[in-house]
């Protein structure tokens, strides 16, 4: 995707950066919750 099209989809570079940060945060939270689930499952065994 070229920069002009990306800017058009997101409105501005600021919102593109915010979207990227939100996606990164969501991925980190998902990884943490998965890890916590594995730890709890192991503790129950």
Protein backbone atom coordinates (compact mmCIF):
# COMPACT_ATOMS: atom_id res chain seq x y z
CA UNK A 1 0.00 0.00 0.00
CA UNK A 2 1.41 3.38 -0.90
CA UNK A 3 1.69 6.23 1.59
CA UNK A 4 -0.96 8.41 -0.07
CA UNK A 5 -3.54 5.63 0.07
CA UNK A 6 -2.64 4.78 3.67
CA UNK A 7 -3.05 8.42 4.66
CA UNK A 8 -6.43 8.53 2.90
CA UNK A 9 -7.66 5.46 4.74
CA UNK A 10 -6.55 6.68 8.15
CA UNK A 11 -7.10 10.41 7.75
CA UNK A 12 -3.65 11.44 8.98
CA UNK A 13 -0.30 10.07 10.03
CA UNK A 14 -1.20 10.73 13.67
CA UNK A 15 -4.21 8.43 13.48
CA UNK A 16 -2.14 5.85 11.59
CA UNK A 17 0.36 5.87 14.46
CA UNK A 18 -2.47 5.63 17.01
CA UNK A 19 -4.04 2.71 15.14
CA UNK A 20 -0.68 0.94 15.02
CA UNK A 21 -0.19 1.50 18.76
CA UNK A 22 -3.69 0.17 19.52
CA UNK A 23 -3.08 -2.93 17.41
CA UNK A 24 0.27 -3.50 19.12
CA UNK A 25 -1.33 -3.06 22.57
CA UNK A 26 -4.15 -5.45 21.70
CA UNK A 27 -1.66 -8.06 20.47
CA UNK A 28 0.38 -7.69 23.67
CA UNK A 29 -2.72 -8.07 25.86
CA UNK A 30 -3.80 -11.14 23.88
CA UNK A 31 -0.38 -12.71 24.32
CA UNK A 32 -0.43 -11.95 28.05
CA UNK A 33 -3.88 -13.44 28.55
CA UNK A 34 -2.88 -16.56 26.59
CA UNK A 35 0.25 -16.91 28.71
CA UNK A 36 -1.79 -16.45 31.90
CA UNK A 37 -4.23 -19.12 30.71
CA UNK A 38 -1.39 -21.58 30.13
CA UNK A 39 0.09 -20.85 33.57
CA UNK A 40 -3.28 -21.38 35.27
CA UNK A 41 -3.88 -24.60 33.33
CA UNK A 42 -0.45 -25.90 34.33
CA UNK A 43 -1.09 -24.95 37.97
CA UNK A 44 -4.33 -26.97 38.01
CA UNK A 45 -2.59 -30.15 36.79
